[in-house]
Amino acid sequence: MEQNLVALYELKRLTFLLGYKQNPESFNDALAFAYFNRVAPILHENIELETYGADPFADVYAVKAEFATEVLRYVDELERAEDFEGLGFYKLEEKFGGYKANRIKLIHALEYFRIDGRFDEKFWKAIEANAPAEANSLDSKFSPEDVYFV
């Protein structure tokens, strides 16, 4: 991965998050969560795709756009089919890499969708009902107080 691209993304990320902390009413909470956790903002910022034909930061994200999109499509299909048993976290984890392979990526993708207001509470209860400790209470909110820099 090109170092300059990583540095440019980190500068963009820092600038966004500082703006979010200073003027949260001007920013989308789910997008701030995505920046904070380095999740590809598939529900936001389509301007890069329209302008450049691709997201210039695609390789930088910890949770890649392909992964997040695949998760979103799959859970959407399950929700439309009312397959709430299939939405159990361990079943999703098995579908997307197996035991603990992508657990944190899956959690961050799901939290991004939840903070954005996707799906209803019945959907989220189905995921959390059969989940490990780190996923049995997926975030539904994100605020400037959740942003910290280390």
N, C-alpha and C. Protein backbone atom coordinates (compact mmCIF):
# COMPACT_ATOMS: atom_id res chain seq x y z
N MET A 1 0.84 -1.16 0.00
CA MET A 1 0.00 0.00 0.00
C MET A 1 0.90 1.24 0.00
N GLU A 2 0.57 2.18 -0.82
CA GLU A 2 1.38 3.38 -0.95
C GLU A 2 1.28 4.25 0.31
N GLN A 3 2.43 4.60 0.87
CA GLN A 3 2.49 5.37 2.12
C GLN A 3 1.82 6.74 1.99
N ASN A 4 1.98 7.39 0.84
CA ASN A 4 1.37 8.71 0.65
C ASN A 4 -0.15 8.63 0.68
N LEU A 5 -0.70 7.56 0.13
CA LEU A 5 -2.15 7.38 0.14
C LEU A 5 -2.66 7.18 1.56
N VAL A 6 -1.94 6.39 2.33
CA VAL A 6 -2.31 6.17 3.73
C VAL A 6 -2.25 7.49 4.49
N ALA A 7 -1.18 8.25 4.29
CA ALA A 7 -1.03 9.53 4.98
C ALA A 7 -2.15 10.49 4.58
N LEU A 8 -2.50 10.53 3.32
CA LEU A 8 -3.56 11.41 2.85
C LEU A 8 -4.91 11.02 3.46
N TYR A 9 -5.18 9.71 3.53
CA TYR A 9 -6.42 9.26 4.15
C TYR A 9 -6.45 9.63 5.62
N GLU A 10 -5.35 9.41 6.32
CA GLU A 10 -5.31 9.72 7.76
C GLU A 10 -5.51 11.21 8.00
N LEU A 11 -5.00 12.05 7.11
CA LEU A 11 -5.22 13.49 7.21
C LEU A 11 -6.70 13.81 6.99
N LYS A 12 -7.30 13.20 5.98
CA LYS A 12 -8.73 13.40 5.71
C LYS A 12 -9.56 12.92 6.91
N ARG A 13 -9.21 11.77 7.44
CA ARG A 13 -9.92 11.19 8.58
C ARG A 13 -9.84 12.12 9.80
N LEU A 14 -8.64 12.56 10.11
CA LEU A 14 -8.43 13.45 11.26
C LEU A 14 -9.21 14.75 11.08
N THR A 15 -9.15 15.34 9.90
CA THR A 15 -9.86 16.59 9.64
C THR A 15 -11.36 16.39 9.82
N PHE A 16 -11.89 15.31 9.26
CA PHE A 16 -13.32 15.02 9.39
C PHE A 16 -13.70 14.88 10.86
N LEU A 17 -12.95 14.07 11.60
CA LEU A 17 -13.30 13.80 12.99
C LEU A 17 -13.16 15.04 13.88
N LEU A 18 -12.18 15.89 13.61
CA LEU A 18 -12.06 17.14 14.35
C LEU A 18 -13.27 18.04 14.07
N GLY A 19 -13.68 18.12 12.81
CA GLY A 19 -14.87 18.89 12.46
C GLY A 19 -16.11 18.32 13.13
N TYR A 20 -16.21 17.00 13.17
CA TYR A 20 -17.34 16.34 13.81
C TYR A 20 -17.39 16.67 15.30
N LYS A 21 -16.25 16.66 15.97
CA LYS A 21 -16.22 16.98 17.40
C LYS A 21 -16.61 18.44 17.65
N GLN A 22 -16.22 19.33 16.74
CA GLN A 22 -16.47 20.75 16.94
C GLN A 22 -17.89 21.17 16.53
N ASN A 23 -18.44 20.55 15.49
CA ASN A 23 -19.76 20.92 14.97
C ASN A 23 -20.54 19.67 14.59
N PRO A 24 -20.92 18.85 15.55
CA PRO A 24 -21.54 17.57 15.22
C PRO A 24 -22.83 17.69 14.42
N GLU A 25 -23.54 18.79 14.57
CA GLU A 25 -24.79 18.95 13.83
C GLU A 25 -24.56 19.06 12.32
N SER A 26 -23.34 19.32 11.91
CA SER A 26 -23.02 19.44 10.48
C SER A 26 -22.56 18.13 9.86
N PHE A 27 -22.49 17.07 10.65
CA PHE A 27 -21.94 15.81 10.18
C PHE A 27 -22.91 14.66 10.46
N ASN A 28 -22.79 13.62 9.67
CA ASN A 28 -23.59 12.42 9.84
C ASN A 28 -22.90 11.50 10.86
N ASP A 29 -23.64 11.06 11.87
CA ASP A 29 -23.06 10.20 12.91
C ASP A 29 -22.52 8.88 12.36
N ALA A 30 -23.25 8.26 11.45
CA ALA A 30 -22.80 6.98 10.89
C ALA A 30 -21.52 7.17 10.08
N LEU A 31 -21.44 8.26 9.34
CA LEU A 31 -20.22 8.52 8.57
C LEU A 31 -19.04 8.78 9.51
N ALA A 32 -19.29 9.49 10.60
CA ALA A 32 -18.23 9.72 11.59
C ALA A 32 -17.77 8.39 12.17
N PHE A 33 -18.72 7.50 12.48
CA PHE A 33 -18.36 6.16 12.97
C PHE A 33 -17.48 5.44 11.94
N ALA A 34 -17.86 5.53 10.67
CA ALA A 34 -17.09 4.87 9.61
C ALA A 34 -15.67 5.42 9.57
N TYR A 35 -15.52 6.73 9.63
CA TYR A 35 -14.18 7.30 9.63
C TYR A 35 -13.41 6.88 10.88
N PHE A 36 -14.05 6.94 12.02
CA PHE A 36 -13.37 6.60 13.27
C PHE A 36 -12.83 5.17 13.25
N ASN A 37 -13.62 4.25 12.70
CA ASN A 37 -13.24 2.84 12.68
C ASN A 37 -12.65 2.37 11.35
N ARG A 38 -12.41 3.31 10.44
CA ARG A 38 -11.81 3.03 9.13
C ARG A 38 -12.64 2.01 8.33
N VAL A 39 -13.96 2.23 8.36
CA VAL A 39 -14.91 1.42 7.58
C VAL A 39 -15.16 2.14 6.27
N ALA A 40 -15.11 1.42 5.16
CA ALA A 40 -15.42 2.04 3.87
C ALA A 40 -16.83 2.63 3.95
N PRO A 41 -16.99 3.90 3.64
CA PRO A 41 -18.28 4.57 3.79
C PRO A 41 -19.24 4.26 2.63
N ILE A 42 -19.66 3.01 2.52
CA ILE A 42 -20.47 2.58 1.38
C ILE A 42 -21.86 3.21 1.35
N LEU A 43 -22.34 3.70 2.49
CA LEU A 43 -23.65 4.32 2.55
C LEU A 43 -23.56 5.84 2.34
N HIS A 44 -22.36 6.35 2.21
CA HIS A 44 -22.09 7.78 2.11
C HIS A 44 -20.98 8.00 1.09
N GLU A 45 -20.73 9.23 0.79
CA GLU A 45 -19.58 9.65 -0.01
C GLU A 45 -19.45 8.94 -1.35
N ASN A 46 -20.51 8.86 -2.09
CA ASN A 46 -20.43 8.27 -3.43
C ASN A 46 -19.80 9.23 -4.44
N ILE A 47 -19.44 10.42 -4.00
CA ILE A 47 -18.85 11.40 -4.90
C ILE A 47 -17.52 10.89 -5.48
N GLU A 48 -16.75 10.14 -4.70
CA GLU A 48 -15.50 9.59 -5.21
C GLU A 48 -15.77 8.64 -6.37
N LEU A 49 -16.78 7.81 -6.21
CA LEU A 49 -17.12 6.87 -7.28
C LEU A 49 -17.57 7.60 -8.53
N GLU A 50 -18.36 8.64 -8.35
CA GLU A 50 -18.85 9.40 -9.50
C GLU A 50 -17.73 10.21 -10.15
N THR A 51 -16.85 10.77 -9.36
CA THR A 51 -15.79 11.63 -9.88
C THR A 51 -14.62 10.83 -10.45
N TYR A 52 -14.17 9.82 -9.73
CA TYR A 52 -12.97 9.09 -10.10
C TYR A 52 -13.22 7.69 -10.65
N GLY A 53 -14.45 7.24 -10.56
CA GLY A 53 -14.76 5.89 -11.01
C GLY A 53 -14.43 4.83 -9.97
N ALA A 54 -13.83 5.25 -8.87
CA ALA A 54 -13.49 4.34 -7.77
C ALA A 54 -13.16 5.20 -6.55
N ASP A 55 -13.19 4.59 -5.39
CA ASP A 55 -12.80 5.28 -4.16
C ASP A 55 -11.27 5.26 -4.11
N PRO A 56 -10.61 6.42 -4.12
CA PRO A 56 -9.14 6.42 -4.10
C PRO A 56 -8.55 5.81 -2.83
N PHE A 57 -9.37 5.69 -1.78
CA PHE A 57 -8.87 5.15 -0.52
C PHE A 57 -9.29 3.69 -0.29
N ALA A 58 -9.76 3.03 -1.31
CA ALA A 58 -10.30 1.67 -1.19
C ALA A 58 -9.36 0.71 -0.47
N ASP A 59 -8.06 0.83 -0.70
CA ASP A 59 -7.10 -0.10 -0.09
C ASP A 59 -6.75 0.25 1.35
N VAL A 60 -7.14 1.44 1.79
CA VAL A 60 -6.74 1.92 3.12
C VAL A 60 -7.68 1.46 4.22
N TYR A 61 -8.96 1.28 3.91
CA TYR A 61 -9.94 0.97 4.94
C TYR A 61 -9.65 -0.36 5.63
N ALA A 62 -9.90 -0.41 6.92
CA ALA A 62 -9.78 -1.67 7.68
C ALA A 62 -10.92 -2.60 7.30
N VAL A 63 -12.11 -2.04 7.08
CA VAL A 63 -13.26 -2.80 6.59
C VAL A 63 -13.50 -2.35 5.16
N LYS A 64 -13.12 -3.21 4.24
CA LYS A 64 -13.18 -2.87 2.81
C LYS A 64 -14.63 -2.77 2.32
N ALA A 65 -14.81 -2.00 1.27
CA ALA A 65 -16.14 -1.79 0.68
C ALA A 65 -16.76 -3.11 0.22
N GLU A 66 -15.97 -3.98 -0.35
CA GLU A 66 -16.50 -5.26 -0.83
C GLU A 66 -17.08 -6.08 0.31
N PHE A 67 -16.37 -6.11 1.43
CA PHE A 67 -16.83 -6.86 2.59
C PHE A 67 -18.12 -6.25 3.14
N ALA A 68 -18.12 -4.94 3.37
CA ALA A 68 -19.30 -4.27 3.92
C ALA A 68 -20.51 -4.42 3.00
N THR A 69 -20.29 -4.30 1.70
CA THR A 69 -21.38 -4.44 0.74
C THR A 69 -21.94 -5.85 0.74
N GLU A 70 -21.05 -6.83 0.82
CA GLU A 70 -21.50 -8.23 0.85
C GLU A 70 -22.32 -8.50 2.11
N VAL A 71 -21.87 -7.98 3.25
CA VAL A 71 -22.62 -8.15 4.50
C VAL A 71 -23.98 -7.49 4.38
N LEU A 72 -24.02 -6.27 3.88
CA LEU A 72 -25.28 -5.55 3.76
C LEU A 72 -26.26 -6.28 2.85
N ARG A 73 -25.80 -6.74 1.73
CA ARG A 73 -26.68 -7.47 0.80
C ARG A 73 -27.22 -8.75 1.43
N TYR A 74 -26.34 -9.47 2.11
CA TYR A 74 -26.74 -10.75 2.71
C TYR A 74 -27.78 -10.55 3.82
N VAL A 75 -27.51 -9.62 4.74
CA VAL A 75 -28.46 -9.42 5.84
C VAL A 75 -29.76 -8.83 5.34
N ASP A 76 -29.69 -8.02 4.29
CA ASP A 76 -30.91 -7.48 3.69
C ASP A 76 -31.77 -8.60 3.12
N GLU A 77 -31.13 -9.56 2.45
CA GLU A 77 -31.86 -10.71 1.91
C GLU A 77 -32.52 -11.51 3.03
N LEU A 78 -31.78 -11.74 4.11
CA LEU A 78 -32.32 -12.48 5.25
C LEU A 78 -33.49 -11.74 5.88
N GLU A 79 -33.36 -10.44 6.00
CA GLU A 79 -34.42 -9.63 6.61
C GLU A 79 -35.67 -9.65 5.74
N ARG A 80 -35.51 -9.51 4.43
CA ARG A 80 -36.66 -9.53 3.54
C ARG A 80 -37.34 -10.89 3.53
N ALA A 81 -36.57 -11.96 3.72
CA ALA A 81 -37.12 -13.32 3.79
C ALA A 81 -37.65 -13.64 5.19
N GLU A 82 -37.48 -12.69 6.11
CA GLU A 82 -37.86 -12.87 7.51
C GLU A 82 -37.19 -14.09 8.14
N ASP A 83 -35.93 -14.31 7.74
CA ASP A 83 -35.13 -15.40 8.29
C ASP A 83 -34.33 -14.87 9.48
N PHE A 84 -35.02 -14.64 10.59
CA PHE A 84 -34.37 -14.05 11.75
C PHE A 84 -33.43 -15.03 12.44
N GLU A 85 -33.65 -16.31 12.26
CA GLU A 85 -32.72 -17.30 12.81
C GLU A 85 -31.38 -17.21 12.07
N GLY A 86 -31.43 -17.00 10.77
CA GLY A 86 -30.21 -16.86 9.97
C GLY A 86 -29.41 -15.62 10.31
N LEU A 87 -30.05 -14.66 10.97
CA LEU A 87 -29.37 -13.43 11.35
C LEU A 87 -28.55 -13.55 12.63
N GLY A 88 -28.59 -14.68 13.28
CA GLY A 88 -27.78 -14.85 14.49
C GLY A 88 -26.32 -14.52 14.20
N PHE A 89 -25.67 -13.82 15.11
CA PHE A 89 -24.31 -13.36 14.87
C PHE A 89 -23.37 -14.50 14.49
N TYR A 90 -23.43 -15.60 15.20
CA TYR A 90 -22.51 -16.70 14.91
C TYR A 90 -22.73 -17.25 13.50
N LYS A 91 -23.97 -17.25 13.04
CA LYS A 91 -24.23 -17.69 11.66
C LYS A 91 -23.66 -16.69 10.66
N LEU A 92 -23.79 -15.41 10.96
CA LEU A 92 -23.19 -14.39 10.09
C LEU A 92 -21.67 -14.51 10.10
N GLU A 93 -21.12 -14.73 11.27
CA GLU A 93 -19.67 -14.87 11.38
C GLU A 93 -19.18 -16.06 10.55
N GLU A 94 -19.91 -17.15 10.61
CA GLU A 94 -19.54 -18.33 9.81
C GLU A 94 -19.60 -18.03 8.32
N LYS A 95 -20.61 -17.30 7.92
CA LYS A 95 -20.78 -16.93 6.50
C LYS A 95 -19.63 -16.04 6.01
N PHE A 96 -19.15 -15.17 6.89
CA PHE A 96 -18.14 -14.19 6.48
C PHE A 96 -16.75 -14.46 7.03
N GLY A 97 -16.34 -15.71 6.99
CA GLY A 97 -14.95 -16.02 7.29
C GLY A 97 -14.73 -17.07 8.34
N GLY A 98 -15.75 -17.44 9.08
CA GLY A 98 -15.57 -18.46 10.08
C GLY A 98 -15.21 -17.89 11.44
N TYR A 99 -15.02 -18.76 12.37
CA TYR A 99 -14.81 -18.43 13.78
C TYR A 99 -13.74 -17.36 13.97
N LYS A 100 -14.15 -16.20 14.39
CA LYS A 100 -13.31 -15.06 14.74
C LYS A 100 -12.46 -14.50 13.60
N ALA A 101 -12.54 -15.04 12.40
CA ALA A 101 -11.69 -14.57 11.30
C ALA A 101 -11.90 -13.10 10.97
N ASN A 102 -13.15 -12.68 10.93
CA ASN A 102 -13.48 -11.29 10.60
C ASN A 102 -14.44 -10.69 11.62
N ARG A 103 -14.37 -11.14 12.85
CA ARG A 103 -15.34 -10.73 13.87
C ARG A 103 -15.43 -9.21 14.02
N ILE A 104 -14.31 -8.55 14.21
CA ILE A 104 -14.33 -7.11 14.44
C ILE A 104 -14.80 -6.38 13.18
N LYS A 105 -14.38 -6.83 12.02
CA LYS A 105 -14.83 -6.21 10.77
C LYS A 105 -16.35 -6.36 10.63
N LEU A 106 -16.86 -7.52 10.96
CA LEU A 106 -18.30 -7.76 10.89
C LEU A 106 -19.04 -6.87 11.89
N ILE A 107 -18.53 -6.79 13.10
CA ILE A 107 -19.15 -5.94 14.12
C ILE A 107 -19.17 -4.49 13.65
N HIS A 108 -18.05 -3.99 13.14
CA HIS A 108 -17.99 -2.60 12.70
C HIS A 108 -18.91 -2.34 11.51
N ALA A 109 -19.00 -3.27 10.59
CA ALA A 109 -19.91 -3.10 9.46
C ALA A 109 -21.35 -3.04 9.95
N LEU A 110 -21.72 -3.96 10.82
CA LEU A 110 -23.09 -3.98 11.34
C LEU A 110 -23.41 -2.72 12.14
N GLU A 111 -22.48 -2.27 12.96
CA GLU A 111 -22.72 -1.06 13.74
C GLU A 111 -22.87 0.16 12.81
N TYR A 112 -22.09 0.23 11.76
CA TYR A 112 -22.22 1.31 10.79
C TYR A 112 -23.63 1.32 10.21
N PHE A 113 -24.14 0.16 9.84
CA PHE A 113 -25.50 0.08 9.29
C PHE A 113 -26.54 0.49 10.34
N ARG A 114 -26.32 0.04 11.57
CA ARG A 114 -27.30 0.34 12.62
C ARG A 114 -27.33 1.83 12.95
N ILE A 115 -26.17 2.43 13.08
CA ILE A 115 -26.10 3.86 13.39
C ILE A 115 -26.75 4.66 12.27
N ASP A 116 -26.65 4.17 11.05
CA ASP A 116 -27.27 4.85 9.91
C ASP A 116 -28.78 4.67 9.89
N GLY A 117 -29.31 3.81 10.76
CA GLY A 117 -30.76 3.63 10.84
C GLY A 117 -31.30 2.53 9.94
N ARG A 118 -30.45 1.66 9.49
CA ARG A 118 -30.89 0.55 8.65
C ARG A 118 -31.54 -0.52 9.51
N PHE A 119 -32.63 -1.05 9.04
CA PHE A 119 -33.34 -2.17 9.66
C PHE A 119 -34.02 -1.77 10.97
N ASP A 120 -34.92 -2.64 11.43
CA ASP A 120 -35.69 -2.35 12.63
C ASP A 120 -35.14 -3.09 13.85
N GLU A 121 -35.73 -2.86 14.99
CA GLU A 121 -35.23 -3.46 16.23
C GLU A 121 -35.37 -4.98 16.24
N LYS A 122 -36.38 -5.52 15.60
CA LYS A 122 -36.53 -6.98 15.52
C LYS A 122 -35.31 -7.59 14.82
N PHE A 123 -34.87 -6.95 13.78
CA PHE A 123 -33.67 -7.37 13.04
C PHE A 123 -32.44 -7.39 13.96
N TRP A 124 -32.22 -6.28 14.69
CA TRP A 124 -31.03 -6.17 15.54
C TRP A 124 -31.10 -7.12 16.73
N LYS A 125 -32.27 -7.33 17.28
CA LYS A 125 -32.42 -8.29 18.38
C LYS A 125 -32.06 -9.71 17.91
N ALA A 126 -32.40 -10.04 16.67
CA ALA A 126 -32.06 -11.36 16.12
C ALA A 126 -30.55 -11.55 16.04
N ILE A 127 -29.84 -10.52 15.67
CA ILE A 127 -28.37 -10.61 15.59
C ILE A 127 -27.76 -10.72 16.97
N GLU A 128 -28.23 -9.89 17.89
CA GLU A 128 -27.64 -9.84 19.23
C GLU A 128 -28.05 -11.01 20.12
N ALA A 129 -29.14 -11.69 19.80
CA ALA A 129 -29.65 -12.76 20.65
C ALA A 129 -28.66 -13.92 20.78
N ASN A 130 -27.94 -14.18 19.74
CA ASN A 130 -26.99 -15.29 19.75
C ASN A 130 -25.64 -14.74 19.30
N ALA A 131 -24.99 -14.02 20.21
CA ALA A 131 -23.75 -13.33 19.85
C ALA A 131 -22.74 -13.40 21.00
N PRO A 132 -21.45 -13.29 20.68
CA PRO A 132 -20.44 -13.23 21.74
C PRO A 132 -20.55 -11.89 22.47
N ALA A 133 -19.87 -11.77 23.57
CA ALA A 133 -19.97 -10.57 24.41
C ALA A 133 -19.71 -9.28 23.63
N GLU A 134 -18.73 -9.29 22.73
CA GLU A 134 -18.39 -8.07 22.01
C GLU A 134 -19.42 -7.69 20.95
N ALA A 135 -20.39 -8.56 20.69
CA ALA A 135 -21.41 -8.27 19.68
C ALA A 135 -22.84 -8.40 20.20
N ASN A 136 -22.99 -8.57 21.51
CA ASN A 136 -24.36 -8.75 22.02
C ASN A 136 -25.04 -7.43 22.34
N SER A 137 -24.38 -6.33 22.03
CA SER A 137 -24.98 -5.00 22.17
C SER A 137 -24.34 -4.09 21.14
N LEU A 138 -24.75 -4.26 19.89
CA LEU A 138 -24.18 -3.46 18.81
C LEU A 138 -24.60 -2.00 18.95
N ASP A 139 -23.64 -1.11 18.74
CA ASP A 139 -23.92 0.32 18.89
C ASP A 139 -25.04 0.76 17.95
N SER A 140 -25.93 1.58 18.49
CA SER A 140 -26.99 2.17 17.69
C SER A 140 -26.80 3.67 17.57
N LYS A 141 -25.85 4.20 18.34
CA LYS A 141 -25.58 5.64 18.32
C LYS A 141 -24.08 5.87 18.33
N PHE A 142 -23.70 6.99 17.79
CA PHE A 142 -22.30 7.44 17.81
C PHE A 142 -22.34 8.94 17.99
N SER A 143 -21.46 9.47 18.83
CA SER A 143 -21.47 10.90 19.11
C SER A 143 -20.04 11.41 19.19
N PRO A 144 -19.87 12.73 19.22
CA PRO A 144 -18.51 13.29 19.33
C PRO A 144 -17.77 12.80 20.57
N GLU A 145 -18.50 12.46 21.62
CA GLU A 145 -17.85 11.95 22.84
C GLU A 145 -17.20 10.59 22.62
N ASP A 146 -17.61 9.88 21.58
CA ASP A 146 -17.03 8.57 21.28
C ASP A 146 -15.72 8.67 20.50
N VAL A 147 -15.39 9.88 20.04
CA VAL A 147 -14.17 10.10 19.26
C VAL A 147 -13.03 10.44 20.20
N TYR A 148 -11.96 9.71 20.10
CA TYR A 148 -10.75 9.99 20.87
C TYR A 148 -9.55 9.73 19.97
N PHE A 149 -8.47 10.35 20.28
CA PHE A 149 -7.26 10.21 19.47
C PHE A 149 -6.13 9.64 20.33
N VAL A 150 -5.46 8.64 19.80
CA VAL A 150 -4.34 8.04 20.53
C VAL A 150 -3.10 8.07 19.67
